Amino acid sequence: QLQASGGGLVQTGGSLTLSCAASRQTSSNNGVGWFRQAPGKEREFVAGISWNGGSTLYSDSVKGRFTISRDRSRGTVYLQMTSLKSDDAAVYYCASARSSYAGTAENPYNYWGRGTQVTVSS
């Protein structure tokens, strides 16, 4: 199982770091992705990282502002978010893939954590 944490209230332009801790059932050899869902909108891909951290992928809307990383020894994946905008406000979910996949499609991700709320105030 996965547990996302680190959400909260931040001002526009501020920063926040989310964490995704994996249980022993979730292999550290799998790709991990971050997704988000804002009210009234479909869930969307934010960022993904391969099993060894050697490959990352970002959505165009967060590229250059968000950084995904992982500490395999801790079984944790991080999402550093900077220059936050009102459009970034959403519930953020982390998910682990069946393989090293870390792309945009949701189907390859078979373990999903509970989301963590990110609120951006102006």
PDB file of N, CA and C in Angstrom:
ATOM      1  N   GLN A   1       0.840  -1.191   0.000  1.00  0.00           N
ATOM      2  CA  GLN A   1       0.000   0.000   0.000  1.00  0.00           C
ATOM      3  C   GLN A   1       0.873   1.238   0.000  1.00  0.00           C
ATOM      4  N   LEU A   2       0.260   2.341  -0.391  1.00  0.00           N
ATOM      5  CA  LEU A   2       0.978   3.598  -0.458  1.00  0.00           C
ATOM      6  C   LEU A   2       0.295   4.627   0.431  1.00  0.00           C
ATOM      7  N   GLN A   3       1.066   5.519   0.981  1.00  0.00           N
ATOM      8  CA  GLN A   3       0.526   6.574   1.836  1.00  0.00           C
ATOM      9  C   GLN A   3       1.121   7.902   1.398  1.00  0.00           C
ATOM     10  N   ALA A   4       0.266   8.764   0.859  1.00  0.00           N
ATOM     11  CA  ALA A   4       0.704  10.091   0.462  1.00  0.00           C
ATOM     12  C   ALA A   4       0.508  11.058   1.610  1.00  0.00           C
ATOM     13  N   SER A   5       1.438  11.983   1.763  1.00  0.00           N
ATOM     14  CA  SER A   5       1.343  12.975   2.821  1.00  0.00           C
ATOM     15  C   SER A   5       2.059  14.245   2.394  1.00  0.00           C
ATOM     16  N   GLY A   6       1.900  15.275   3.202  1.00  0.00           N
ATOM     17  CA  GLY A   6       2.608  16.522   2.941  1.00  0.00           C
ATOM     18  C   GLY A   6       1.760  17.624   2.354  1.00  0.00           C
ATOM     19  N   GLY A   7       0.509  17.336   2.072  1.00  0.00           N
ATOM     20  CA  GLY A   7      -0.363  18.356   1.530  1.00  0.00           C
ATOM     21  C   GLY A   7      -0.683  19.416   2.570  1.00  0.00           C
ATOM     22  N   GLY A   8      -1.257  20.513   2.107  1.00  0.00           N
ATOM     23  CA  GLY A   8      -1.612  21.588   3.012  1.00  0.00           C
ATOM     24  C   GLY A   8      -1.995  22.839   2.267  1.00  0.00           C
ATOM     25  N   LEU A   9      -2.025  23.927   3.001  1.00  0.00           N
ATOM     26  CA  LEU A   9      -2.375  25.226   2.439  1.00  0.00           C
ATOM     27  C   LEU A   9      -1.108  26.025   2.184  1.00  0.00           C
ATOM     28  N   VAL A  10      -0.992  26.551   0.984  1.00  0.00           N
ATOM     29  CA  VAL A  10       0.187  27.334   0.623  1.00  0.00           C
ATOM     30  C   VAL A  10      -0.254  28.516  -0.224  1.00  0.00           C
ATOM     31  N   GLN A  11       0.470  29.602  -0.137  1.00  0.00           N
ATOM     32  CA  GLN A  11       0.146  30.776  -0.939  1.00  0.00           C
ATOM     33  C   GLN A  11       0.653  30.620  -2.366  1.00  0.00           C
ATOM     34  N   THR A  12       0.041  31.335  -3.260  1.00  0.00           N
ATOM     35  CA  THR A  12       0.489  31.353  -4.648  1.00  0.00           C
ATOM     36  C   THR A  12       1.965  31.722  -4.705  1.00  0.00           C
ATOM     37  N   GLY A  13       2.701  30.942  -5.454  1.00  0.00           N
ATOM     38  CA  GLY A  13       4.133  31.163  -5.558  1.00  0.00           C
ATOM     39  C   GLY A  13       4.948  30.404  -4.532  1.00  0.00           C
ATOM     40  N   GLY A  14       4.276  29.783  -3.608  1.00  0.00           N
ATOM     41  CA  GLY A  14       4.950  29.048  -2.553  1.00  0.00           C
ATOM     42  C   GLY A  14       5.359  27.653  -2.979  1.00  0.00           C
ATOM     43  N   SER A  15       5.916  26.916  -2.013  1.00  0.00           N
ATOM     44  CA  SER A  15       6.428  25.573  -2.273  1.00  0.00           C
ATOM     45  C   SER A  15       5.869  24.575  -1.277  1.00  0.00           C
ATOM     46  N   LEU A  16       5.861  23.327  -1.711  1.00  0.00           N
ATOM     47  CA  LEU A  16       5.369  22.241  -0.872  1.00  0.00           C
ATOM     48  C   LEU A  16       6.010  20.957  -1.365  1.00  0.00           C
ATOM     49  N   THR A  17       6.314  20.058  -0.450  1.00  0.00           N
ATOM     50  CA  THR A  17       6.859  18.761  -0.841  1.00  0.00           C
ATOM     51  C   THR A  17       5.952  17.645  -0.353  1.00  0.00           C
ATOM     52  N   LEU A  18       5.515  16.826  -1.277  1.00  0.00           N
ATOM     53  CA  LEU A  18       4.683  15.678  -0.949  1.00  0.00           C
ATOM     54  C   LEU A  18       5.556  14.431  -0.836  1.00  0.00           C
ATOM     55  N   SER A  19       5.130  13.511   0.017  1.00  0.00           N
ATOM     56  CA  SER A  19       5.841  12.246   0.179  1.00  0.00           C
ATOM     57  C   SER A  19       4.892  11.090  -0.079  1.00  0.00           C
ATOM     58  N   CYS A  20       5.430  10.027  -0.612  1.00  0.00           N
ATOM     59  CA  CYS A  20       4.658   8.821  -0.876  1.00  0.00           C
ATOM     60  C   CYS A  20       5.451   7.653  -0.307  1.00  0.00           C
ATOM     61  N   ALA A  21       4.982   7.119   0.780  1.00  0.00           N
ATOM     62  CA  ALA A  21       5.675   6.019   1.446  1.00  0.00           C
ATOM     63  C   ALA A  21       5.030   4.702   1.046  1.00  0.00           C
ATOM     64  N   ALA A  22       5.886   3.751   0.684  1.00  0.00           N
ATOM     65  CA  ALA A  22       5.403   2.458   0.223  1.00  0.00           C
ATOM     66  C   ALA A  22       5.555   1.408   1.310  1.00  0.00           C
ATOM     67  N   SER A  23       4.601   0.507   1.353  1.00  0.00           N
ATOM     68  CA  SER A  23       4.689  -0.605   2.277  1.00  0.00           C
ATOM     69  C   SER A  23       5.550  -1.702   1.656  1.00  0.00           C
ATOM     70  N   ARG A  24       5.786  -2.743   2.397  1.00  0.00           N
ATOM     71  CA  ARG A  24       6.634  -3.831   1.903  1.00  0.00           C
ATOM     72  C   ARG A  24       6.001  -4.550   0.718  1.00  0.00           C
ATOM     73  N   GLN A  25       4.650  -4.450   0.615  1.00  0.00           N
ATOM     74  CA  GLN A  25       3.986  -5.123  -0.494  1.00  0.00           C
ATOM     75  C   GLN A  25       4.242  -4.424  -1.823  1.00  0.00           C
ATOM     76  N   THR A  26       4.639  -3.187  -1.755  1.00  0.00           N
ATOM     77  CA  THR A  26       4.886  -2.418  -2.963  1.00  0.00           C
ATOM     78  C   THR A  26       6.372  -2.395  -3.225  1.00  0.00           C
ATOM     79  N   SER A  27       6.765  -3.028  -4.270  1.00  0.00           N
ATOM     80  CA  SER A  27       8.175  -3.190  -4.549  1.00  0.00           C
ATOM     81  C   SER A  27       8.847  -1.876  -4.898  1.00  0.00           C
ATOM     82  N   SER A  28      10.028  -1.668  -4.381  1.00  0.00           N
ATOM     83  CA  SER A  28      10.799  -0.481  -4.724  1.00  0.00           C
ATOM     84  C   SER A  28      11.353  -0.590  -6.137  1.00  0.00           C
ATOM     85  N   ASN A  29      11.101  -1.706  -6.805  1.00  0.00           N
ATOM     86  CA  ASN A  29      11.551  -1.877  -8.172  1.00  0.00           C
ATOM     87  C   ASN A  29      10.509  -1.442  -9.184  1.00  0.00           C
ATOM     88  N   ASN A  30       9.429  -0.870  -8.695  1.00  0.00           N
ATOM     89  CA  ASN A  30       8.355  -0.446  -9.596  1.00  0.00           C
ATOM     90  C   ASN A  30       8.377   1.050  -9.841  1.00  0.00           C
ATOM     91  N   GLY A  31       7.851   1.408 -10.973  1.00  0.00           N
ATOM     92  CA  GLY A  31       7.686   2.825 -11.269  1.00  0.00           C
ATOM     93  C   GLY A  31       6.591   3.417 -10.388  1.00  0.00           C
ATOM     94  N   VAL A  32       6.710   4.699 -10.119  1.00  0.00           N
ATOM     95  CA  VAL A  32       5.734   5.404  -9.284  1.00  0.00           C
ATOM     96  C   VAL A  32       5.313   6.680  -9.990  1.00  0.00           C
ATOM     97  N   GLY A  33       4.036   6.973  -9.914  1.00  0.00           N
ATOM     98  CA  GLY A  33       3.521   8.188 -10.511  1.00  0.00           C
ATOM     99  C   GLY A  33       2.730   9.007  -9.517  1.00  0.00           C
ATOM    100  N   TRP A  34       2.717  10.302  -9.762  1.00  0.00           N
ATOM    101  CA  TRP A  34       1.854  11.216  -9.016  1.00  0.00           C
ATOM    102  C   TRP A  34       0.744  11.687  -9.954  1.00  0.00           C
ATOM    103  N   PHE A  35      -0.463  11.681  -9.457  1.00  0.00           N
ATOM    104  CA  PHE A  35      -1.620  12.169 -10.193  1.00  0.00           C
ATOM    105  C   PHE A  35      -2.344  13.177  -9.315  1.00  0.00           C
ATOM    106  N   ARG A  36      -3.218  13.960  -9.908  1.00  0.00           N
ATOM    107  CA  ARG A  36      -4.003  14.903  -9.115  1.00  0.00           C
ATOM    108  C   ARG A  36      -5.402  15.032  -9.697  1.00  0.00           C
ATOM    109  N   GLN A  37      -6.313  15.404  -8.835  1.00  0.00           N
ATOM    110  CA  GLN A  37      -7.692  15.604  -9.272  1.00  0.00           C
ATOM    111  C   GLN A  37      -8.270  16.827  -8.576  1.00  0.00           C
ATOM    112  N   ALA A  38      -8.645  17.789  -9.372  1.00  0.00           N
ATOM    113  CA  ALA A  38      -9.285  19.000  -8.861  1.00  0.00           C
ATOM    114  C   ALA A  38     -10.797  18.808  -8.917  1.00  0.00           C
ATOM    115  N   PRO A  39     -11.535  19.550  -8.107  1.00  0.00           N
ATOM    116  CA  PRO A  39     -12.997  19.411  -8.100  1.00  0.00           C
ATOM    117  C   PRO A  39     -13.597  19.624  -9.484  1.00  0.00           C
ATOM    118  N   GLY A  40     -14.439  18.700  -9.898  1.00  0.00           N
ATOM    119  CA  GLY A  40     -15.098  18.819 -11.184  1.00  0.00           C
ATOM    120  C   GLY A  40     -14.248  18.457 -12.378  1.00  0.00           C
ATOM    121  N   LYS A  41     -13.027  18.004 -12.131  1.00  0.00           N
ATOM    122  CA  LYS A  41     -12.130  17.651 -13.228  1.00  0.00           C
ATOM    123  C   LYS A  41     -11.709  16.198 -13.129  1.00  0.00           C
ATOM    124  N   GLU A  42     -11.262  15.651 -14.241  1.00  0.00           N
ATOM    125  CA  GLU A  42     -10.761  14.282 -14.243  1.00  0.00           C
ATOM    126  C   GLU A  42      -9.366  14.232 -13.613  1.00  0.00           C
ATOM    127  N   ARG A  43      -9.050  13.065 -13.116  1.00  0.00           N
ATOM    128  CA  ARG A  43      -7.722  12.885 -12.549  1.00  0.00           C
ATOM    129  C   ARG A  43      -6.690  12.959 -13.681  1.00  0.00           C
ATOM    130  N   GLU A  44      -5.573  13.610 -13.424  1.00  0.00           N
ATOM    131  CA  GLU A  44      -4.560  13.785 -14.448  1.00  0.00           C
ATOM    132  C   GLU A  44      -3.176  13.427 -13.922  1.00  0.00           C
ATOM    133  N   PHE A  45      -2.361  12.993 -14.850  1.00  0.00           N
ATOM    134  CA  PHE A  45      -0.973  12.651 -14.545  1.00  0.00           C
ATOM    135  C   PHE A  45      -0.187  13.913 -14.242  1.00  0.00           C
ATOM    136  N   VAL A  46       0.686  13.833 -13.239  1.00  0.00           N
ATOM    137  CA  VAL A  46       1.539  14.960 -12.880  1.00  0.00           C
ATOM    138  C   VAL A  46       3.008  14.640 -13.161  1.00  0.00           C
ATOM    139  N   ALA A  47       3.476  13.527 -12.596  1.00  0.00           N
ATOM    140  CA  ALA A  47       4.884  13.171 -12.762  1.00  0.00           C
ATOM    141  C   ALA A  47       5.068  11.688 -12.496  1.00  0.00           C
ATOM    142  N   GLY A  48       6.107  11.108 -13.089  1.00  0.00           N
ATOM    143  CA  GLY A  48       6.400   9.704 -12.876  1.00  0.00           C
ATOM    144  C   GLY A  48       7.892   9.481 -12.785  1.00  0.00           C
ATOM    145  N   ILE A  49       8.288   8.429 -12.084  1.00  0.00           N
ATOM    146  CA  ILE A  49       9.706   8.129 -11.918  1.00  0.00           C
ATOM    147  C   ILE A  49       9.910   6.633 -12.031  1.00  0.00           C
ATOM    148  N   SER A  50      10.973   6.240 -12.729  1.00  0.00           N
ATOM    149  CA  SER A  50      11.272   4.824 -12.923  1.00  0.00           C
ATOM    150  C   SER A  50      11.768   4.197 -11.632  1.00  0.00           C
ATOM    151  N   TRP A  51      11.930   2.880 -11.655  1.00  0.00           N
ATOM    152  CA  TRP A  51      12.255   2.168 -10.435  1.00  0.00           C
ATOM    153  C   TRP A  51      13.568   2.622  -9.809  1.00  0.00           C
ATOM    154  N   ASN A  52      14.526   3.026 -10.628  1.00  0.00           N
ATOM    155  CA  ASN A  52      15.821   3.428 -10.062  1.00  0.00           C
ATOM    156  C   ASN A  52      16.007   4.939 -10.063  1.00  0.00           C
ATOM    157  N   GLY A  53      14.967   5.655 -10.446  1.00  0.00           N
ATOM    158  CA  GLY A  53      15.059   7.109 -10.458  1.00  0.00           C
ATOM    159  C   GLY A  53      15.775   7.672 -11.659  1.00  0.00           C
ATOM    160  N   GLY A  54      16.179   6.793 -12.563  1.00  0.00           N
ATOM    161  CA  GLY A  54      16.954   7.249 -13.697  1.00  0.00           C
ATOM    162  C   GLY A  54      16.144   7.915 -14.789  1.00  0.00           C
ATOM    163  N   SER A  55      14.842   7.712 -14.750  1.00  0.00           N
ATOM    164  CA  SER A  55      13.969   8.290 -15.768  1.00  0.00           C
ATOM    165  C   SER A  55      12.781   8.958 -15.103  1.00  0.00           C
ATOM    166  N   THR A  56      12.514  10.169 -15.516  1.00  0.00           N
ATOM    167  CA  THR A  56      11.367  10.903 -14.974  1.00  0.00           C
ATOM    168  C   THR A  56      10.554  11.482 -16.116  1.00  0.00           C
ATOM    169  N   LEU A  57       9.301  11.739 -15.828  1.00  0.00           N
ATOM    170  CA  LEU A  57       8.387  12.294 -16.815  1.00  0.00           C
ATOM    171  C   LEU A  57       7.463  13.281 -16.112  1.00  0.00           C
ATOM    172  N   TYR A  58       7.205  14.393 -16.776  1.00  0.00           N
ATOM    173  CA  TYR A  58       6.350  15.427 -16.188  1.00  0.00           C
ATOM    174  C   TYR A  58       5.283  15.858 -17.180  1.00  0.00           C
ATOM    175  N   SER A  59       4.156  16.263 -16.649  1.00  0.00           N
ATOM    176  CA  SER A  59       3.154  16.870 -17.510  1.00  0.00           C
ATOM    177  C   SER A  59       3.639  18.266 -17.888  1.00  0.00           C
ATOM    178  N   ASP A  60       3.168  18.762 -18.985  1.00  0.00           N
ATOM    179  CA  ASP A  60       3.593  20.078 -19.441  1.00  0.00           C
ATOM    180  C   ASP A  60       3.230  21.166 -18.433  1.00  0.00           C
ATOM    181  N   SER A  61       2.150  20.977 -17.721  1.00  0.00           N
ATOM    182  CA  SER A  61       1.685  22.013 -16.803  1.00  0.00           C
ATOM    183  C   SER A  61       2.571  22.179 -15.571  1.00  0.00           C
ATOM    184  N   VAL A  62       3.393  21.173 -15.253  1.00  0.00           N
ATOM    185  CA  VAL A  62       4.236  21.272 -14.054  1.00  0.00           C
ATOM    186  C   VAL A  62       5.716  21.231 -14.385  1.00  0.00           C
ATOM    187  N   LYS A  63       6.045  20.987 -15.628  1.00  0.00           N
ATOM    188  CA  LYS A  63       7.450  20.873 -16.021  1.00  0.00           C
ATOM    189  C   LYS A  63       8.206  22.156 -15.689  1.00  0.00           C
ATOM    190  N   GLY A  64       9.348  21.998 -15.032  1.00  0.00           N
ATOM    191  CA  GLY A  64      10.146  23.144 -14.640  1.00  0.00           C
ATOM    192  C   GLY A  64       9.800  23.676 -13.258  1.00  0.00           C
ATOM    193  N   ARG A  65       8.670  23.248 -12.725  1.00  0.00           N
ATOM    194  CA  ARG A  65       8.260  23.717 -11.383  1.00  0.00           C
ATOM    195  C   ARG A  65       8.241  22.577 -10.361  1.00  0.00           C
ATOM    196  N   PHE A  66       7.929  21.377 -10.809  1.00  0.00           N
ATOM    197  CA  PHE A  66       7.852  20.222  -9.918  1.00  0.00           C
ATOM    198  C   PHE A  66       9.028  19.296 -10.179  1.00  0.00           C
ATOM    199  N   THR A  67       9.482  18.619  -9.127  1.00  0.00           N
ATOM    200  CA  THR A  67      10.552  17.639  -9.250  1.00  0.00           C
ATOM    201  C   THR A  67      10.167  16.374  -8.504  1.00  0.00           C
ATOM    202  N   ILE A  68      10.231  15.250  -9.195  1.00  0.00           N
ATOM    203  CA  ILE A  68       9.949  13.964  -8.574  1.00  0.00           C
ATOM    204  C   ILE A  68      11.265  13.252  -8.299  1.00  0.00           C
ATOM    205  N   SER A  69      11.352  12.610  -7.157  1.00  0.00           N
ATOM    206  CA  SER A  69      12.571  11.882  -6.800  1.00  0.00           C
ATOM    207  C   SER A  69      12.175  10.722  -5.896  1.00  0.00           C
ATOM    208  N   ARG A  70      13.115   9.821  -5.690  1.00  0.00           N
ATOM    209  CA  ARG A  70      12.812   8.690  -4.817  1.00  0.00           C
ATOM    210  C   ARG A  70      14.029   8.293  -4.012  1.00  0.00           C
ATOM    211  N   ASP A  71      13.753   7.822  -2.818  1.00  0.00           N
ATOM    212  CA  ASP A  71      14.785   7.270  -1.944  1.00  0.00           C
ATOM    213  C   ASP A  71      14.405   5.804  -1.751  1.00  0.00           C
ATOM    214  N   ARG A  72      15.053   4.935  -2.498  1.00  0.00           N
ATOM    215  CA  ARG A  72      14.685   3.523  -2.468  1.00  0.00           C
ATOM    216  C   ARG A  72      14.969   2.898  -1.113  1.00  0.00           C
ATOM    217  N   SER A  73      15.974   3.393  -0.421  1.00  0.00           N
ATOM    218  CA  SER A  73      16.302   2.832   0.886  1.00  0.00           C
ATOM    219  C   SER A  73      15.189   3.098   1.900  1.00  0.00           C
ATOM    220  N   ARG A  74      14.463   4.185   1.682  1.00  0.00           N
ATOM    221  CA  ARG A  74      13.344   4.531   2.564  1.00  0.00           C
ATOM    222  C   ARG A  74      12.010   4.114   1.972  1.00  0.00           C
ATOM    223  N   GLY A  75      12.025   3.650   0.730  1.00  0.00           N
ATOM    224  CA  GLY A  75      10.775   3.268   0.088  1.00  0.00           C
ATOM    225  C   GLY A  75       9.845   4.453  -0.099  1.00  0.00           C
ATOM    226  N   THR A  76      10.418   5.606  -0.364  1.00  0.00           N
ATOM    227  CA  THR A  76       9.626   6.841  -0.435  1.00  0.00           C
ATOM    228  C   THR A  76       9.903   7.588  -1.732  1.00  0.00           C
ATOM    229  N   VAL A  77       8.842   8.121  -2.310  1.00  0.00           N
ATOM    230  CA  VAL A  77       8.930   8.968  -3.495  1.00  0.00           C
ATOM    231  C   VAL A  77       8.446  10.357  -3.103  1.00  0.00           C
ATOM    232  N   TYR A  78       9.150  11.368  -3.584  1.00  0.00           N
ATOM    233  CA  TYR A  78       8.843  12.753  -3.226  1.00  0.00           C
ATOM    234  C   TYR A  78       8.396  13.535  -4.459  1.00  0.00           C
ATOM    235  N   LEU A  79       7.574  14.530  -4.214  1.00  0.00           N
ATOM    236  CA  LEU A  79       7.196  15.472  -5.259  1.00  0.00           C
ATOM    237  C   LEU A  79       7.403  16.875  -4.703  1.00  0.00           C
ATOM    238  N   GLN A  80       8.475  17.510  -5.147  1.00  0.00           N
ATOM    239  CA  GLN A  80       8.756  18.877  -4.735  1.00  0.00           C
ATOM    240  C   GLN A  80       8.036  19.820  -5.681  1.00  0.00           C
ATOM    241  N   MET A  81       7.218  20.670  -5.108  1.00  0.00           N
ATOM    242  CA  MET A  81       6.398  21.578  -5.909  1.00  0.00           C
ATOM    243  C   MET A  81       6.799  23.016  -5.585  1.00  0.00           C
ATOM    244  N   THR A  82       7.146  23.764  -6.573  1.00  0.00           N
ATOM    245  CA  THR A  82       7.515  25.165  -6.390  1.00  0.00           C
ATOM    246  C   THR A  82       6.674  26.044  -7.312  1.00  0.00           C
ATOM    247  N   SER A  83       6.724  27.339  -7.063  1.00  0.00           N
ATOM    248  CA  SER A  83       5.972  28.323  -7.863  1.00  0.00           C
ATOM    249  C   SER A  83       4.526  27.876  -8.048  1.00  0.00           C
ATOM    250  N   LEU A  84       3.914  27.502  -6.960  1.00  0.00           N
ATOM    251  CA  LEU A  84       2.563  26.949  -7.031  1.00  0.00           C
ATOM    252  C   LEU A  84       1.557  27.979  -7.514  1.00  0.00           C
ATOM    253  N   LYS A  85       0.623  27.505  -8.310  1.00  0.00           N
ATOM    254  CA  LYS A  85      -0.432  28.341  -8.872  1.00  0.00           C
ATOM    255  C   LYS A  85      -1.785  27.833  -8.378  1.00  0.00           C
ATOM    256  N   SER A  86      -2.794  28.629  -8.583  1.00  0.00           N
ATOM    257  CA  SER A  86      -4.134  28.213  -8.169  1.00  0.00           C
ATOM    258  C   SER A  86      -4.568  26.947  -8.911  1.00  0.00           C
ATOM    259  N   ASP A  87      -4.103  26.786 -10.140  1.00  0.00           N
ATOM    260  CA  ASP A  87      -4.449  25.601 -10.927  1.00  0.00           C
ATOM    261  C   ASP A  87      -3.838  24.321 -10.365  1.00  0.00           C
ATOM    262  N   ASP A  88      -2.872  24.452  -9.475  1.00  0.00           N
ATOM    263  CA  ASP A  88      -2.241  23.267  -8.878  1.00  0.00           C
ATOM    264  C   ASP A  88      -3.047  22.714  -7.705  1.00  0.00           C
ATOM    265  N   ALA A  89      -4.039  23.450  -7.262  1.00  0.00           N
ATOM    266  CA  ALA A  89      -4.854  22.999  -6.143  1.00  0.00           C
ATOM    267  C   ALA A  89      -5.635  21.752  -6.542  1.00  0.00           C
ATOM    268  N   ALA A  90      -5.490  20.687  -5.749  1.00  0.00           N
ATOM    269  CA  ALA A  90      -6.128  19.418  -6.077  1.00  0.00           C
ATOM    270  C   ALA A  90      -5.826  18.420  -4.969  1.00  0.00           C
ATOM    271  N   VAL A  91      -6.443  17.262  -5.086  1.00  0.00           N
ATOM    272  CA  VAL A  91      -6.038  16.130  -4.257  1.00  0.00           C
ATOM    273  C   VAL A  91      -4.981  15.373  -5.046  1.00  0.00           C
ATOM    274  N   TYR A  92      -3.853  15.167  -4.437  1.00  0.00           N
ATOM    275  CA  TYR A  92      -2.730  14.504  -5.099  1.00  0.00           C
ATOM    276  C   TYR A  92      -2.642  13.047  -4.640  1.00  0.00           C
ATOM    277  N   TYR A  93      -2.483  12.156  -5.615  1.00  0.00           N
ATOM    278  CA  TYR A  93      -2.388  10.724  -5.358  1.00  0.00           C
ATOM    279  C   TYR A  93      -1.058  10.187  -5.884  1.00  0.00           C
ATOM    280  N   CYS A  94      -0.494   9.239  -5.166  1.00  0.00           N
ATOM    281  CA  CYS A  94       0.649   8.523  -5.710  1.00  0.00           C
ATOM    282  C   CYS A  94       0.198   7.097  -6.032  1.00  0.00           C
ATOM    283  N   ALA A  95       0.850   6.516  -6.996  1.00  0.00           N
ATOM    284  CA  ALA A  95       0.482   5.183  -7.451  1.00  0.00           C
ATOM    285  C   ALA A  95       1.723   4.419  -7.872  1.00  0.00           C
ATOM    286  N   SER A  96       1.700   3.130  -7.611  1.00  0.00           N
ATOM    287  CA  SER A  96       2.815   2.261  -7.979  1.00  0.00           C
ATOM    288  C   SER A  96       2.399   1.371  -9.137  1.00  0.00           C
ATOM    289  N   ALA A  97       3.285   1.236 -10.097  1.00  0.00           N
ATOM    290  CA  ALA A  97       2.975   0.448 -11.286  1.00  0.00           C
ATOM    291  C   ALA A  97       3.313  -1.028 -11.085  1.00  0.00           C
ATOM    292  N   ARG A  98       2.800  -1.858 -11.971  1.00  0.00           N
ATOM    293  CA  ARG A  98       3.080  -3.303 -11.933  1.00  0.00           C
ATOM    294  C   ARG A  98       4.516  -3.587 -12.349  1.00  0.00           C
ATOM    295  N   SER A  99       5.117  -2.631 -13.005  1.00  0.00           N
ATOM    296  CA  SER A  99       6.477  -2.832 -13.506  1.00  0.00           C
ATOM    297  C   SER A  99       7.242  -1.544 -13.295  1.00  0.00           C
ATOM    298  N   SER A 100       8.239  -1.342 -14.118  1.00  0.00           N
ATOM    299  CA  SER A 100       9.010  -0.109 -14.024  1.00  0.00           C
ATOM    300  C   SER A 100       8.322   1.056 -14.726  1.00  0.00           C
ATOM    301  N   TYR A 101       7.131   0.793 -15.242  1.00  0.00           N
ATOM    302  CA  TYR A 101       6.381   1.834 -15.947  1.00  0.00           C
ATOM    303  C   TYR A 101       6.182   3.067 -15.074  1.00  0.00           C
ATOM    304  N   ALA A 102       6.336   4.222 -15.667  1.00  0.00           N
ATOM    305  CA  ALA A 102       6.135   5.472 -14.940  1.00  0.00           C
ATOM    306  C   ALA A 102       5.580   6.527 -15.884  1.00  0.00           C
ATOM    307  N   GLY A 103       4.661   6.088 -16.755  1.00  0.00           N
ATOM    308  CA  GLY A 103       4.105   6.984 -17.740  1.00  0.00           C
ATOM    309  C   GLY A 103       2.782   7.591 -17.338  1.00  0.00           C
ATOM    310  N   THR A 104       2.102   8.137 -18.321  1.00  0.00           N
ATOM    311  CA  THR A 104       0.910   8.927 -18.073  1.00  0.00           C
ATOM    312  C   THR A 104      -0.375   8.126 -17.932  1.00  0.00           C
ATOM    313  N   ALA A 105      -0.431   6.930 -18.475  1.00  0.00           N
ATOM    314  CA  ALA A 105      -1.656   6.127 -18.419  1.00  0.00           C
ATOM    315  C   ALA A 105      -1.891   5.582 -17.016  1.00  0.00           C
ATOM    316  N   GLU A 106      -3.142   5.511 -16.601  1.00  0.00           N
ATOM    317  CA  GLU A 106      -3.453   5.044 -15.251  1.00  0.00           C
ATOM    318  C   GLU A 106      -3.500   3.523 -15.128  1.00  0.00           C
ATOM    319  N   ASN A 107      -3.842   2.855 -16.204  1.00  0.00           N
ATOM    320  CA  ASN A 107      -4.046   1.406 -16.137  1.00  0.00           C
ATOM    321  C   ASN A 107      -2.857   0.622 -15.605  1.00  0.00           C
ATOM    322  N   PRO A 108      -1.609   0.968 -15.966  1.00  0.00           N
ATOM    323  CA  PRO A 108      -0.473   0.182 -15.458  1.00  0.00           C
ATOM    324  C   PRO A 108      -0.209   0.333 -13.965  1.00  0.00           C
ATOM    325  N   TYR A 109      -0.858   1.318 -13.341  1.00  0.00           N
ATOM    326  CA  TYR A 109      -0.653   1.519 -11.908  1.00  0.00           C
ATOM    327  C   TYR A 109      -1.679   0.680 -11.145  1.00  0.00           C
ATOM    328  N   ASN A 110      -1.214  -0.220 -10.308  1.00  0.00           N
ATOM    329  CA  ASN A 110      -2.145  -1.109  -9.629  1.00  0.00           C
ATOM    330  C   ASN A 110      -2.287  -0.837  -8.137  1.00  0.00           C
ATOM    331  N   TYR A 111      -1.410  -0.049  -7.565  1.00  0.00           N
ATOM    332  CA  TYR A 111      -1.547   0.341  -6.169  1.00  0.00           C
ATOM    333  C   TYR A 111      -1.690   1.859  -6.098  1.00  0.00           C
ATOM    334  N   TRP A 112      -2.753   2.273  -5.432  1.00  0.00           N
ATOM    335  CA  TRP A 112      -3.028   3.701  -5.292  1.00  0.00           C
ATOM    336  C   TRP A 112      -3.120   4.055  -3.820  1.00  0.00           C
ATOM    337  N   GLY A 113      -2.486   5.159  -3.456  1.00  0.00           N
ATOM    338  CA  GLY A 113      -2.585   5.620  -2.090  1.00  0.00           C
ATOM    339  C   GLY A 113      -3.758   6.567  -1.919  1.00  0.00           C
ATOM    340  N   ARG A 114      -4.106   6.822  -0.677  1.00  0.00           N
ATOM    341  CA  ARG A 114      -5.090   7.860  -0.408  1.00  0.00           C
ATOM    342  C   ARG A 114      -4.470   9.205  -0.747  1.00  0.00           C
ATOM    343  N   GLY A 115      -5.273  10.075  -1.225  1.00  0.00           N
ATOM    344  CA  GLY A 115      -4.768  11.358  -1.646  1.00  0.00           C
ATOM    345  C   GLY A 115      -4.453  12.298  -0.510  1.00  0.00           C
ATOM    346  N   THR A 116      -3.715  13.330  -0.851  1.00  0.00           N
ATOM    347  CA  THR A 116      -3.416  14.395   0.090  1.00  0.00           C
ATOM    348  C   THR A 116      -3.805  15.719  -0.565  1.00  0.00           C
ATOM    349  N   GLN A 117      -4.485  16.552   0.181  1.00  0.00           N
ATOM    350  CA  GLN A 117      -5.048  17.786  -0.365  1.00  0.00           C
ATOM    351  C   GLN A 117      -4.014  18.898  -0.427  1.00  0.00           C
ATOM    352  N   VAL A 118      -3.932  19.538  -1.566  1.00  0.00           N
ATOM    353  CA  VAL A 118      -3.099  20.726  -1.734  1.00  0.00           C
ATOM    354  C   VAL A 118      -4.020  21.895  -2.068  1.00  0.00           C
ATOM    355  N   THR A 119      -3.953  22.919  -1.252  1.00  0.00           N
ATOM    356  CA  THR A 119      -4.769  24.113  -1.448  1.00  0.00           C
ATOM    357  C   THR A 119      -3.847  25.298  -1.673  1.00  0.00           C
ATOM    358  N   VAL A 120      -4.109  26.061  -2.710  1.00  0.00           N
ATOM    359  CA  VAL A 120      -3.290  27.220  -3.039  1.00  0.00           C
ATOM    360  C   VAL A 120      -4.143  28.472  -2.919  1.00  0.00           C
ATOM    361  N   SER A 121      -3.714  29.371  -2.050  1.00  0.00           N
ATOM    362  CA  SER A 121      -4.470  30.600  -1.835  1.00  0.00           C
ATOM    363  C   SER A 121      -3.774  31.781  -2.490  1.00  0.00           C
ATOM    364  N   SER A 122      -4.573  32.728  -2.935  1.00  0.00           N
ATOM    365  CA  SER A 122      -4.005  33.911  -3.594  1.00  0.00           C
ATOM    366  C   SER A 122      -3.730  35.016  -2.591  1.00  0.00           C
TER     367      SER A 122
END
